[in-house]
């Protein structure tokens, strides 16, 4: 995996890890076993692929060539998508001040307003 994972603590206090690559995006719940050992249980897999994911205010954002997606981090279900962006390679979304930013291979910058 060449992308960086994103981590999140759900409203019920559980820790999650999200990874993405060309094969898909997956949500893993961190489970504590007896004796204090940890393991990752895959809860969902979206086989459409993506870049390094980011999470903000309980929404997981993932980009892939030609598409920016917002996913429910607990289920992987699609909340919204935009097909405004062009091809991407190493680009990934960034969040600042309730805005989601990404560039594409053409050097264009896209900004999306996020709920406050």
PDB file of N, CA and C in Angstrom:
ATOM      1  N   UNK A   1       0.855  -1.176   0.000  1.00  0.00           N
ATOM      2  CA  UNK A   1       0.000   0.000   0.000  1.00  0.00           C
ATOM      3  C   UNK A   1       0.894   1.230   0.000  1.00  0.00           C
ATOM      4  N   UNK A   2       0.759   2.070  -1.001  1.00  0.00           N
ATOM      5  CA  UNK A   2       1.568   3.278  -1.104  1.00  0.00           C
ATOM      6  C   UNK A   2       0.870   4.506  -0.544  1.00  0.00           C
ATOM      7  N   UNK A   3      -0.374   4.361  -0.166  1.00  0.00           N
ATOM      8  CA  UNK A   3      -1.108   5.477   0.405  1.00  0.00           C
ATOM      9  C   UNK A   3      -1.001   5.428   1.924  1.00  0.00           C
ATOM     10  N   UNK A   4      -1.323   6.535   2.554  1.00  0.00           N
ATOM     11  CA  UNK A   4      -1.309   6.598   4.022  1.00  0.00           C
ATOM     12  C   UNK A   4      -2.696   6.260   4.550  1.00  0.00           C
ATOM     13  N   UNK A   5      -2.776   5.597   5.686  1.00  0.00           N
ATOM     14  CA  UNK A   5      -4.094   5.307   6.266  1.00  0.00           C
ATOM     15  C   UNK A   5      -4.677   6.539   6.953  1.00  0.00           C
ATOM     16  N   UNK A   6      -5.967   6.507   7.173  1.00  0.00           N
ATOM     17  CA  UNK A   6      -6.654   7.512   7.989  1.00  0.00           C
ATOM     18  C   UNK A   6      -7.225   6.787   9.200  1.00  0.00           C
ATOM     19  N   UNK A   7      -7.262   7.456  10.327  1.00  0.00           N
ATOM     20  CA  UNK A   7      -7.815   6.851  11.540  1.00  0.00           C
ATOM     21  C   UNK A   7      -8.946   7.725  12.066  1.00  0.00           C
ATOM     22  N   UNK A   8      -9.859   7.074  12.808  1.00  0.00           N
ATOM     23  CA  UNK A   8     -11.058   7.771  13.285  1.00  0.00           C
ATOM     24  C   UNK A   8     -11.569   7.083  14.535  1.00  0.00           C
ATOM     25  N   UNK A   9     -12.091   7.859  15.449  1.00  0.00           N
ATOM     26  CA  UNK A   9     -12.795   7.313  16.609  1.00  0.00           C
ATOM     27  C   UNK A   9     -14.267   7.604  16.397  1.00  0.00           C
ATOM     28  N   UNK A  10     -15.054   6.548  16.270  1.00  0.00           N
ATOM     29  CA  UNK A  10     -16.483   6.676  15.993  1.00  0.00           C
ATOM     30  C   UNK A  10     -17.212   7.219  17.216  1.00  0.00           C
ATOM     31  N   UNK A  11     -18.450   7.685  17.052  1.00  0.00           N
ATOM     32  CA  UNK A  11     -19.203   8.211  18.199  1.00  0.00           C
ATOM     33  C   UNK A  11     -19.355   7.210  19.350  1.00  0.00           C
ATOM     34  N   UNK A  12     -19.320   5.899  19.047  1.00  0.00           N
ATOM     35  CA  UNK A  12     -19.417   4.901  20.120  1.00  0.00           C
ATOM     36  C   UNK A  12     -18.065   4.604  20.775  1.00  0.00           C
ATOM     37  N   UNK A  13     -17.027   5.353  20.387  1.00  0.00           N
ATOM     38  CA  UNK A  13     -15.710   5.233  21.010  1.00  0.00           C
ATOM     39  C   UNK A  13     -14.783   4.218  20.372  1.00  0.00           C
ATOM     40  N   UNK A  14     -15.216   3.536  19.327  1.00  0.00           N
ATOM     41  CA  UNK A  14     -14.363   2.540  18.678  1.00  0.00           C
ATOM     42  C   UNK A  14     -13.363   3.205  17.736  1.00  0.00           C
ATOM     43  N   UNK A  15     -12.173   2.630  17.685  1.00  0.00           N
ATOM     44  CA  UNK A  15     -11.131   3.120  16.779  1.00  0.00           C
ATOM     45  C   UNK A  15     -11.254   2.411  15.430  1.00  0.00           C
ATOM     46  N   UNK A  16     -11.060   3.171  14.369  1.00  0.00           N
ATOM     47  CA  UNK A  16     -11.126   2.657  12.996  1.00  0.00           C
ATOM     48  C   UNK A  16      -9.865   3.042  12.241  1.00  0.00           C
ATOM     49  N   UNK A  17      -9.545   2.248  11.228  1.00  0.00           N
ATOM     50  CA  UNK A  17      -8.431   2.505  10.320  1.00  0.00           C
ATOM     51  C   UNK A  17      -8.964   2.342   8.898  1.00  0.00           C
ATOM     52  N   UNK A  18      -8.601   3.259   8.009  1.00  0.00           N
ATOM     53  CA  UNK A  18      -9.048   3.211   6.620  1.00  0.00           C
ATOM     54  C   UNK A  18      -7.840   3.207   5.707  1.00  0.00           C
ATOM     55  N   UNK A  19      -7.819   2.281   4.765  1.00  0.00           N
ATOM     56  CA  UNK A  19      -6.727   2.197   3.800  1.00  0.00           C
ATOM     57  C   UNK A  19      -7.322   2.168   2.402  1.00  0.00           C
ATOM     58  N   UNK A  20      -6.546   2.668   1.455  1.00  0.00           N
ATOM     59  CA  UNK A  20      -6.997   2.704   0.065  1.00  0.00           C
ATOM     60  C   UNK A  20      -5.816   2.437  -0.851  1.00  0.00           C
ATOM     61  N   UNK A  21      -6.106   1.829  -1.981  1.00  0.00           N
ATOM     62  CA  UNK A  21      -5.130   1.672  -3.060  1.00  0.00           C
ATOM     63  C   UNK A  21      -5.929   1.444  -4.343  1.00  0.00           C
ATOM     64  N   UNK A  22      -5.254   1.045  -5.413  1.00  0.00           N
ATOM     65  CA  UNK A  22      -5.947   0.852  -6.683  1.00  0.00           C
ATOM     66  C   UNK A  22      -6.985  -0.259  -6.625  1.00  0.00           C
ATOM     67  N   UNK A  23      -6.869  -1.164  -5.672  1.00  0.00           N
ATOM     68  CA  UNK A  23      -7.798  -2.291  -5.569  1.00  0.00           C
ATOM     69  C   UNK A  23      -9.058  -1.970  -4.782  1.00  0.00           C
ATOM     70  N   UNK A  24      -9.026  -0.941  -3.949  1.00  0.00           N
ATOM     71  CA  UNK A  24     -10.210  -0.616  -3.180  1.00  0.00           C
ATOM     72  C   UNK A  24      -9.928   0.260  -1.984  1.00  0.00           C
ATOM     73  N   UNK A  25     -10.988   0.555  -1.251  1.00  0.00           N
ATOM     74  CA  UNK A  25     -10.939   1.297  -0.003  1.00  0.00           C
ATOM     75  C   UNK A  25     -11.578   0.389   1.042  1.00  0.00           C
ATOM     76  N   UNK A  26     -10.929   0.265   2.209  1.00  0.00           N
ATOM     77  CA  UNK A  26     -11.456  -0.630   3.232  1.00  0.00           C
ATOM     78  C   UNK A  26     -11.511   0.063   4.577  1.00  0.00           C
ATOM     79  N   UNK A  27     -12.538  -0.298   5.349  1.00  0.00           N
ATOM     80  CA  UNK A  27     -12.694   0.191   6.715  1.00  0.00           C
ATOM     81  C   UNK A  27     -12.458  -0.948   7.685  1.00  0.00           C
ATOM     82  N   UNK A  28     -11.507  -0.763   8.597  1.00  0.00           N
ATOM     83  CA  UNK A  28     -11.160  -1.759   9.595  1.00  0.00           C
ATOM     84  C   UNK A  28     -11.461  -1.217  10.986  1.00  0.00           C
ATOM     85  N   UNK A  29     -12.115  -2.011  11.793  1.00  0.00           N
ATOM     86  CA  UNK A  29     -12.360  -1.642  13.179  1.00  0.00           C
ATOM     87  C   UNK A  29     -11.258  -2.263  14.033  1.00  0.00           C
ATOM     88  N   UNK A  30     -10.713  -1.479  14.959  1.00  0.00           N
ATOM     89  CA  UNK A  30      -9.686  -1.972  15.877  1.00  0.00           C
ATOM     90  C   UNK A  30     -10.389  -2.712  17.008  1.00  0.00           C
ATOM     91  N   UNK A  31     -10.006  -3.966  17.220  1.00  0.00           N
ATOM     92  CA  UNK A  31     -10.624  -4.815  18.241  1.00  0.00           C
ATOM     93  C   UNK A  31      -9.556  -5.183  19.261  1.00  0.00           C
ATOM     94  N   UNK A  32      -9.898  -5.050  20.541  1.00  0.00           N
ATOM     95  CA  UNK A  32      -8.988  -5.446  21.615  1.00  0.00           C
ATOM     96  C   UNK A  32      -9.350  -6.855  22.061  1.00  0.00           C
ATOM     97  N   UNK A  33      -8.390  -7.741  21.964  1.00  0.00           N
ATOM     98  CA  UNK A  33      -8.598  -9.130  22.372  1.00  0.00           C
ATOM     99  C   UNK A  33      -8.236  -9.303  23.836  1.00  0.00           C
ATOM    100  N   UNK A  34      -8.589 -10.455  24.372  1.00  0.00           N
ATOM    101  CA  UNK A  34      -8.194 -10.795  25.741  1.00  0.00           C
ATOM    102  C   UNK A  34      -6.673 -10.739  25.834  1.00  0.00           C
ATOM    103  N   UNK A  35      -6.183 -10.259  26.922  1.00  0.00           N
ATOM    104  CA  UNK A  35      -4.740 -10.130  27.095  1.00  0.00           C
ATOM    105  C   UNK A  35      -4.186  -8.827  26.542  1.00  0.00           C
ATOM    106  N   UNK A  36      -5.064  -7.960  26.011  1.00  0.00           N
ATOM    107  CA  UNK A  36      -4.618  -6.653  25.550  1.00  0.00           C
ATOM    108  C   UNK A  36      -4.070  -6.616  24.133  1.00  0.00           C
ATOM    109  N   UNK A  37      -4.135  -7.718  23.401  1.00  0.00           N
ATOM    110  CA  UNK A  37      -3.667  -7.698  22.009  1.00  0.00           C
ATOM    111  C   UNK A  37      -4.717  -7.039  21.127  1.00  0.00           C
ATOM    112  N   UNK A  38      -4.250  -6.441  20.043  1.00  0.00           N
ATOM    113  CA  UNK A  38      -5.141  -5.762  19.113  1.00  0.00           C
ATOM    114  C   UNK A  38      -5.153  -6.484  17.778  1.00  0.00           C
ATOM    115  N   UNK A  39      -6.273  -6.345  17.075  1.00  0.00           N
ATOM    116  CA  UNK A  39      -6.359  -6.843  15.704  1.00  0.00           C
ATOM    117  C   UNK A  39      -7.263  -5.901  14.919  1.00  0.00           C
ATOM    118  N   UNK A  40      -7.171  -5.956  13.609  1.00  0.00           N
ATOM    119  CA  UNK A  40      -8.030  -5.180  12.728  1.00  0.00           C
ATOM    120  C   UNK A  40      -9.042  -6.110  12.087  1.00  0.00           C
ATOM    121  N   UNK A  41     -10.315  -5.812  12.233  1.00  0.00           N
ATOM    122  CA  UNK A  41     -11.383  -6.562  11.582  1.00  0.00           C
ATOM    123  C   UNK A  41     -11.921  -5.731  10.431  1.00  0.00           C
ATOM    124  N   UNK A  42     -11.834  -6.279   9.211  1.00  0.00           N
ATOM    125  CA  UNK A  42     -12.374  -5.541   8.080  1.00  0.00           C
ATOM    126  C   UNK A  42     -13.897  -5.572   8.154  1.00  0.00           C
ATOM    127  N   UNK A  43     -14.510  -4.396   8.171  1.00  0.00           N
ATOM    128  CA  UNK A  43     -15.960  -4.260   8.263  1.00  0.00           C
ATOM    129  C   UNK A  43     -16.568  -4.074   6.868  1.00  0.00           C
ATOM    130  N   UNK A  44     -15.865  -3.335   6.003  1.00  0.00           N
ATOM    131  CA  UNK A  44     -16.380  -3.103   4.661  1.00  0.00           C
ATOM    132  C   UNK A  44     -15.238  -2.929   3.668  1.00  0.00           C
ATOM    133  N   UNK A  45     -15.552  -3.166   2.405  1.00  0.00           N
ATOM    134  CA  UNK A  45     -14.597  -3.001   1.306  1.00  0.00           C
ATOM    135  C   UNK A  45     -15.335  -2.414   0.119  1.00  0.00           C
ATOM    136  N   UNK A  46     -14.813  -1.317  -0.401  1.00  0.00           N
ATOM    137  CA  UNK A  46     -15.326  -0.679  -1.604  1.00  0.00           C
ATOM    138  C   UNK A  46     -14.278  -0.950  -2.685  1.00  0.00           C
ATOM    139  N   UNK A  47     -14.602  -1.754  -3.651  1.00  0.00           N
ATOM    140  CA  UNK A  47     -13.634  -2.178  -4.651  1.00  0.00           C
ATOM    141  C   UNK A  47     -13.320  -1.178  -5.738  1.00  0.00           C
ATOM    142  N   UNK A  48     -13.752   0.061  -5.590  1.00  0.00           N
ATOM    143  CA  UNK A  48     -13.516   1.035  -6.660  1.00  0.00           C
ATOM    144  C   UNK A  48     -12.166   1.728  -6.571  1.00  0.00           C
ATOM    145  N   UNK A  49     -11.426   1.545  -5.508  1.00  0.00           N
ATOM    146  CA  UNK A  49     -10.079   2.108  -5.402  1.00  0.00           C
ATOM    147  C   UNK A  49     -10.065   3.569  -5.019  1.00  0.00           C
ATOM    148  N   UNK A  50      -8.867   4.027  -4.642  1.00  0.00           N
ATOM    149  CA  UNK A  50      -8.753   5.428  -4.275  1.00  0.00           C
ATOM    150  C   UNK A  50      -7.385   5.807  -3.774  1.00  0.00           C
ATOM    151  N   UNK A  51      -7.230   7.083  -3.512  1.00  0.00           N
ATOM    152  CA  UNK A  51      -5.992   7.667  -3.012  1.00  0.00           C
ATOM    153  C   UNK A  51      -5.983   7.635  -1.483  1.00  0.00           C
ATOM    154  N   UNK A  52      -5.001   8.274  -0.895  1.00  0.00           N
ATOM    155  CA  UNK A  52      -4.941   8.404   0.562  1.00  0.00           C
ATOM    156  C   UNK A  52      -6.253   9.003   1.061  1.00  0.00           C
ATOM    157  N   UNK A  53      -6.948   8.337   1.961  1.00  0.00           N
ATOM    158  CA  UNK A  53      -8.209   8.866   2.469  1.00  0.00           C
ATOM    159  C   UNK A  53      -7.980   9.903   3.571  1.00  0.00           C
ATOM    160  N   UNK A  54      -8.940  10.787   3.733  1.00  0.00           N
ATOM    161  CA  UNK A  54      -8.936  11.729   4.852  1.00  0.00           C
ATOM    162  C   UNK A  54     -10.319  11.703   5.481  1.00  0.00           C
ATOM    163  N   UNK A  55     -10.377  12.031   6.758  1.00  0.00           N
ATOM    164  CA  UNK A  55     -11.663  12.024   7.447  1.00  0.00           C
ATOM    165  C   UNK A  55     -11.847  13.351   8.172  1.00  0.00           C
ATOM    166  N   UNK A  56     -13.062  13.880   8.090  1.00  0.00           N
ATOM    167  CA  UNK A  56     -13.397  15.150   8.741  1.00  0.00           C
ATOM    168  C   UNK A  56     -14.853  15.099   9.162  1.00  0.00           C
ATOM    169  N   UNK A  57     -15.112  15.408  10.443  1.00  0.00           N
ATOM    170  CA  UNK A  57     -16.485  15.479  10.960  1.00  0.00           C
ATOM    171  C   UNK A  57     -17.291  14.220  10.644  1.00  0.00           C
ATOM    172  N   UNK A  58     -16.653  13.059  10.759  1.00  0.00           N
ATOM    173  CA  UNK A  58     -17.359  11.804  10.566  1.00  0.00           C
ATOM    174  C   UNK A  58     -17.669  11.435   9.133  1.00  0.00           C
ATOM    175  N   UNK A  59     -16.955  12.021   8.173  1.00  0.00           N
ATOM    176  CA  UNK A  59     -17.116  11.678   6.759  1.00  0.00           C
ATOM    177  C   UNK A  59     -15.737  11.337   6.203  1.00  0.00           C
ATOM    178  N   UNK A  60     -15.663  10.231   5.459  1.00  0.00           N
ATOM    179  CA  UNK A  60     -14.417   9.771   4.849  1.00  0.00           C
ATOM    180  C   UNK A  60     -14.380  10.244   3.400  1.00  0.00           C
ATOM    181  N   UNK A  61     -13.297  10.925   3.006  1.00  0.00           N
ATOM    182  CA  UNK A  61     -13.157  11.450   1.647  1.00  0.00           C
ATOM    183  C   UNK A  61     -12.037  10.699   0.939  1.00  0.00           C
ATOM    184  N   UNK A  62     -12.339  10.247  -0.286  1.00  0.00           N
ATOM    185  CA  UNK A  62     -11.379   9.480  -1.079  1.00  0.00           C
ATOM    186  C   UNK A  62     -11.507   9.933  -2.528  1.00  0.00           C
ATOM    187  N   UNK A  63     -10.378  10.084  -3.192  1.00  0.00           N
ATOM    188  CA  UNK A  63     -10.379  10.466  -4.599  1.00  0.00           C
ATOM    189  C   UNK A  63      -9.810   9.330  -5.438  1.00  0.00           C
ATOM    190  N   UNK A  64     -10.219   9.299  -6.672  1.00  0.00           N
ATOM    191  CA  UNK A  64      -9.607   8.444  -7.684  1.00  0.00           C
ATOM    192  C   UNK A  64      -9.741   9.188  -8.997  1.00  0.00           C
ATOM    193  N   UNK A  65      -9.099   8.729 -10.048  1.00  0.00           N
ATOM    194  CA  UNK A  65      -9.141   9.425 -11.321  1.00  0.00           C
ATOM    195  C   UNK A  65     -10.557   9.739 -11.755  1.00  0.00           C
ATOM    196  N   UNK A  66     -10.870  11.017 -11.883  1.00  0.00           N
ATOM    197  CA  UNK A  66     -12.171  11.457 -12.346  1.00  0.00           C
ATOM    198  C   UNK A  66     -13.261  11.519 -11.305  1.00  0.00           C
ATOM    199  N   UNK A  67     -12.917  11.271 -10.025  1.00  0.00           N
ATOM    200  CA  UNK A  67     -13.994  11.221  -9.034  1.00  0.00           C
ATOM    201  C   UNK A  67     -13.503  11.536  -7.622  1.00  0.00           C
ATOM    202  N   UNK A  68     -14.275  12.343  -6.922  1.00  0.00           N
ATOM    203  CA  UNK A  68     -14.100  12.585  -5.489  1.00  0.00           C
ATOM    204  C   UNK A  68     -15.324  11.995  -4.811  1.00  0.00           C
ATOM    205  N   UNK A  69     -15.099  11.197  -3.738  1.00  0.00           N
ATOM    206  CA  UNK A  69     -16.219  10.559  -3.051  1.00  0.00           C
ATOM    207  C   UNK A  69     -16.200  10.872  -1.566  1.00  0.00           C
ATOM    208  N   UNK A  70     -17.393  10.963  -0.996  1.00  0.00           N
ATOM    209  CA  UNK A  70     -17.582  11.070   0.450  1.00  0.00           C
ATOM    210  C   UNK A  70     -18.289   9.792   0.877  1.00  0.00           C
ATOM    211  N   UNK A  71     -17.712   9.100   1.885  1.00  0.00           N
ATOM    212  CA  UNK A  71     -18.245   7.815   2.321  1.00  0.00           C
ATOM    213  C   UNK A  71     -18.604   7.854   3.797  1.00  0.00           C
ATOM    214  N   UNK A  72     -19.592   7.058   4.170  1.00  0.00           N
ATOM    215  CA  UNK A  72     -19.904   6.839   5.575  1.00  0.00           C
ATOM    216  C   UNK A  72     -18.797   5.941   6.124  1.00  0.00           C
ATOM    217  N   UNK A  73     -18.028   6.387   7.116  1.00  0.00           N
ATOM    218  CA  UNK A  73     -16.899   5.584   7.578  1.00  0.00           C
ATOM    219  C   UNK A  73     -17.285   4.274   8.263  1.00  0.00           C
ATOM    220  N   UNK A  74     -18.495   4.184   8.793  1.00  0.00           N
ATOM    221  CA  UNK A  74     -18.927   2.953   9.467  1.00  0.00           C
ATOM    222  C   UNK A  74     -19.389   1.866   8.506  1.00  0.00           C
ATOM    223  N   UNK A  75     -19.873   2.282   7.336  1.00  0.00           N
ATOM    224  CA  UNK A  75     -20.461   1.318   6.401  1.00  0.00           C
ATOM    225  C   UNK A  75     -19.803   1.301   5.026  1.00  0.00           C
ATOM    226  N   UNK A  76     -19.093   2.374   4.680  1.00  0.00           N
ATOM    227  CA  UNK A  76     -18.520   2.497   3.345  1.00  0.00           C
ATOM    228  C   UNK A  76     -19.519   2.951   2.301  1.00  0.00           C
ATOM    229  N   UNK A  77     -20.754   3.236   2.717  1.00  0.00           N
ATOM    230  CA  UNK A  77     -21.766   3.650   1.748  1.00  0.00           C
ATOM    231  C   UNK A  77     -21.477   5.054   1.225  1.00  0.00           C
ATOM    232  N   UNK A  78     -21.826   5.263  -0.016  1.00  0.00           N
ATOM    233  CA  UNK A  78     -21.580   6.533  -0.687  1.00  0.00           C
ATOM    234  C   UNK A  78     -22.540   7.594  -0.183  1.00  0.00           C
ATOM    235  N   UNK A  79     -21.992   8.739   0.261  1.00  0.00           N
ATOM    236  CA  UNK A  79     -22.805   9.877   0.699  1.00  0.00           C
ATOM    237  C   UNK A  79     -22.982  10.874  -0.441  1.00  0.00           C
ATOM    238  N   UNK A  80     -21.901  11.148  -1.169  1.00  0.00           N
ATOM    239  CA  UNK A  80     -21.963  11.982  -2.370  1.00  0.00           C
ATOM    240  C   UNK A  80     -20.704  11.765  -3.191  1.00  0.00           C
ATOM    241  N   UNK A  81     -20.779  12.188  -4.430  1.00  0.00           N
ATOM    242  CA  UNK A  81     -19.604  12.110  -5.295  1.00  0.00           C
ATOM    243  C   UNK A  81     -19.631  13.243  -6.294  1.00  0.00           C
ATOM    244  N   UNK A  82     -18.458  13.605  -6.744  1.00  0.00           N
ATOM    245  CA  UNK A  82     -18.301  14.623  -7.764  1.00  0.00           C
ATOM    246  C   UNK A  82     -17.406  14.059  -8.850  1.00  0.00           C
ATOM    247  N   UNK A  83     -17.766  14.305 -10.085  1.00  0.00           N
ATOM    248  CA  UNK A  83     -16.934  13.863 -11.205  1.00  0.00           C
ATOM    249  C   UNK A  83     -16.259  15.051 -11.880  1.00  0.00           C
ATOM    250  N   UNK A  84     -16.046  16.127 -11.114  1.00  0.00           N
ATOM    251  CA  UNK A  84     -15.419  17.336 -11.649  1.00  0.00           C
ATOM    252  C   UNK A  84     -13.922  17.179 -11.895  1.00  0.00           C
ATOM    253  N   UNK A  85     -13.248  16.391 -11.048  1.00  0.00           N
ATOM    254  CA  UNK A  85     -11.790  16.326 -11.139  1.00  0.00           C
ATOM    255  C   UNK A  85     -11.362  15.444 -12.307  1.00  0.00           C
ATOM    256  N   UNK A  86     -10.138  15.692 -12.772  1.00  0.00           N
ATOM    257  CA  UNK A  86      -9.568  14.878 -13.840  1.00  0.00           C
ATOM    258  C   UNK A  86      -8.771  13.719 -13.261  1.00  0.00           C
ATOM    259  N   UNK A  87      -7.844  13.213 -14.047  1.00  0.00           N
ATOM    260  CA  UNK A  87      -7.001  12.109 -13.594  1.00  0.00           C
ATOM    261  C   UNK A  87      -6.125  12.553 -12.428  1.00  0.00           C
ATOM    262  N   UNK A  88      -5.861  11.616 -11.528  1.00  0.00           N
ATOM    263  CA  UNK A  88      -4.938  11.863 -10.422  1.00  0.00           C
ATOM    264  C   UNK A  88      -3.926  10.730 -10.388  1.00  0.00           C
ATOM    265  N   UNK A  89      -2.786  11.005  -9.791  1.00  0.00           N
ATOM    266  CA  UNK A  89      -1.763   9.966  -9.603  1.00  0.00           C
ATOM    267  C   UNK A  89      -1.408   9.908  -8.126  1.00  0.00           C
ATOM    268  N   UNK A  90      -0.622  10.855  -7.651  1.00  0.00           N
ATOM    269  CA  UNK A  90      -0.248  10.894  -6.233  1.00  0.00           C
ATOM    270  C   UNK A  90      -1.094  11.864  -5.428  1.00  0.00           C
ATOM    271  N   UNK A  91      -2.003  12.570  -6.079  1.00  0.00           N
ATOM    272  CA  UNK A  91      -2.812  13.563  -5.383  1.00  0.00           C
ATOM    273  C   UNK A  91      -3.793  12.879  -4.428  1.00  0.00           C
ATOM    274  N   UNK A  92      -4.071  13.587  -3.358  1.00  0.00           N
ATOM    275  CA  UNK A  92      -5.077  13.112  -2.407  1.00  0.00           C
ATOM    276  C   UNK A  92      -5.744  14.326  -1.787  1.00  0.00           C
ATOM    277  N   UNK A  93      -6.953  14.142  -1.254  1.00  0.00           N
ATOM    278  CA  UNK A  93      -7.679  15.287  -0.702  1.00  0.00           C
ATOM    279  C   UNK A  93      -7.060  15.788   0.599  1.00  0.00           C
ATOM    280  N   UNK A  94      -7.252  17.077   0.842  1.00  0.00           N
ATOM    281  CA  UNK A  94      -6.833  17.716   2.099  1.00  0.00           C
ATOM    282  C   UNK A  94      -8.005  18.555   2.587  1.00  0.00           C
ATOM    283  N   UNK A  95      -8.143  18.669   3.902  1.00  0.00           N
ATOM    284  CA  UNK A  95      -9.231  19.437   4.489  1.00  0.00           C
ATOM    285  C   UNK A  95      -8.654  20.584   5.309  1.00  0.00           C
ATOM    286  N   UNK A  96      -9.224  21.778   5.118  1.00  0.00           N
ATOM    287  CA  UNK A  96      -8.854  22.954   5.914  1.00  0.00           C
ATOM    288  C   UNK A  96     -10.054  23.891   5.961  1.00  0.00           C
ATOM    289  N   UNK A  97     -10.357  24.378   7.157  1.00  0.00           N
ATOM    290  CA  UNK A  97     -11.424  25.367   7.333  1.00  0.00           C
ATOM    291  C   UNK A  97     -12.733  24.958   6.656  1.00  0.00           C
ATOM    292  N   UNK A  98     -13.181  23.752   6.879  1.00  0.00           N
ATOM    293  CA  UNK A  98     -14.443  23.245   6.331  1.00  0.00           C
ATOM    294  C   UNK A  98     -14.490  23.278   4.810  1.00  0.00           C
ATOM    295  N   UNK A  99     -13.304  23.081   4.222  1.00  0.00           N
ATOM    296  CA  UNK A  99     -13.215  22.959   2.764  1.00  0.00           C
ATOM    297  C   UNK A  99     -12.341  21.754   2.433  1.00  0.00           C
ATOM    298  N   UNK A 100     -12.715  21.067   1.381  1.00  0.00           N
ATOM    299  CA  UNK A 100     -11.972  19.917   0.882  1.00  0.00           C
ATOM    300  C   UNK A 100     -11.271  20.348  -0.394  1.00  0.00           C
ATOM    301  N   UNK A 101      -9.959  20.131  -0.468  1.00  0.00           N
ATOM    302  CA  UNK A 101      -9.166  20.551  -1.619  1.00  0.00           C
ATOM    303  C   UNK A 101      -8.499  19.344  -2.271  1.00  0.00           C
ATOM    304  N   UNK A 102      -8.369  19.404  -3.595  1.00  0.00           N
ATOM    305  CA  UNK A 102      -7.586  18.415  -4.324  1.00  0.00           C
ATOM    306  C   UNK A 102      -7.158  19.030  -5.658  1.00  0.00           C
ATOM    307  N   UNK A 103      -5.992  18.615  -6.118  1.00  0.00           N
ATOM    308  CA  UNK A 103      -5.537  18.998  -7.455  1.00  0.00           C
ATOM    309  C   UNK A 103      -5.599  17.755  -8.337  1.00  0.00           C
ATOM    310  N   UNK A 104      -5.601  17.974  -9.649  1.00  0.00           N
ATOM    311  CA  UNK A 104      -5.548  16.833 -10.560  1.00  0.00           C
ATOM    312  C   UNK A 104      -4.282  16.916 -11.406  1.00  0.00           C
ATOM    313  N   UNK A 105      -4.096  15.976 -12.294  1.00  0.00           N
ATOM    314  CA  UNK A 105      -2.875  15.902 -13.105  1.00  0.00           C
ATOM    315  C   UNK A 105      -2.740  17.090 -14.047  1.00  0.00           C
ATOM    316  N   UNK A 106      -3.832  17.801 -14.314  1.00  0.00           N
ATOM    317  CA  UNK A 106      -3.774  18.986 -15.174  1.00  0.00           C
ATOM    318  C   UNK A 106      -3.365  20.228 -14.409  1.00  0.00           C
ATOM    319  N   UNK A 107      -3.148  20.093 -13.088  1.00  0.00           N
ATOM    320  CA  UNK A 107      -2.750  21.231 -12.275  1.00  0.00           C
ATOM    321  C   UNK A 107      -3.920  22.073 -11.801  1.00  0.00           C
ATOM    322  N   UNK A 108      -5.130  21.610 -12.002  1.00  0.00           N
ATOM    323  CA  UNK A 108      -6.300  22.361 -11.543  1.00  0.00           C
ATOM    324  C   UNK A 108      -6.540  22.070 -10.066  1.00  0.00           C
ATOM    325  N   UNK A 109      -6.977  23.080  -9.348  1.00  0.00           N
ATOM    326  CA  UNK A 109      -7.314  22.963  -7.940  1.00  0.00           C
ATOM    327  C   UNK A 109      -8.825  22.976  -7.786  1.00  0.00           C
ATOM    328  N   UNK A 110      -9.343  22.021  -7.040  1.00  0.00           N
ATOM    329  CA  UNK A 110     -10.772  21.937  -6.777  1.00  0.00           C
ATOM    330  C   UNK A 110     -10.991  22.140  -5.285  1.00  0.00           C
ATOM    331  N   UNK A 111     -12.052  22.872  -4.945  1.00  0.00           N
ATOM    332  CA  UNK A 111     -12.406  23.117  -3.548  1.00  0.00           C
ATOM    333  C   UNK A 111     -13.898  22.834  -3.376  1.00  0.00           C
ATOM    334  N   UNK A 112     -14.220  22.084  -2.332  1.00  0.00           N
ATOM    335  CA  UNK A 112     -15.590  21.737  -2.011  1.00  0.00           C
ATOM    336  C   UNK A 112     -15.894  22.253  -0.619  1.00  0.00           C
ATOM    337  N   UNK A 113     -17.035  22.895  -0.442  1.00  0.00           N
ATOM    338  CA  UNK A 113     -17.458  23.338   0.889  1.00  0.00           C
ATOM    339  C   UNK A 113     -17.994  22.143   1.663  1.00  0.00           C
ATOM    340  N   UNK A 114     -17.607  22.043   2.936  1.00  0.00           N
ATOM    341  CA  UNK A 114     -18.073  20.973   3.796  1.00  0.00           C
ATOM    342  C   UNK A 114     -19.014  21.541   4.838  1.00  0.00           C
ATOM    343  N   UNK A 115     -19.935  20.730   5.331  1.00  0.00           N
ATOM    344  CA  UNK A 115     -20.839  21.221   6.384  1.00  0.00           C
ATOM    345  C   UNK A 115     -20.068  21.598   7.637  1.00  0.00           C
ATOM    346  N   UNK A 116     -20.558  22.599   8.339  1.00  0.00           N
ATOM    347  CA  UNK A 116     -19.909  23.032   9.576  1.00  0.00           C
ATOM    348  C   UNK A 116     -20.548  22.379  10.760  1.00  0.00           C
TER     349      UNK A 116
END
